[in-house]
């Protein structure tokens, strides 16, 4: 089922879609939330920023090597992408903890990684935002994101 932005105006379209889905699947799970409450946690915002950052870097000629030679040199290149940006800036801004474990944006962590605290995520986003401003890169920043709310709270 796709997400809907539901209003009184499009209610009948929504109901028709639900009926059609019930013909295929006899049980549906439907949840609702107000339209002004975004789902922009810091990890999701970082991923969105990495897409923008990768496009920015690619547009300035940044590429990734295809292979590393045994002597350390590289050959071949490919386009720099959002995954590359995520790995690069996660390493740059989150880094590792005191035990050498890489910090993770995941709330549960992954093998060989420790989940970053809320404060560590905030600090990483803040550092990336400053980096982007210095480069002239405009980043999407939803008003109701966890990061934006923490920034407002910090100023108080």
Foldseek 3Di string as FASTA:
>chain_A
DDDDDDDPVCVVVVVVVVVVVCVVPVDDDDDDDDPQADPAELVNLLLQVLQLVLVVVQVVPDWAFPDADPVGHTDHTDRRGSVNSCVVLQCVQLNADPVRQREDCDPPFDVSHHHDDSVSSLRSVVVVVVVCVVVVRDGDDDCNYPNNVVVVVVVD
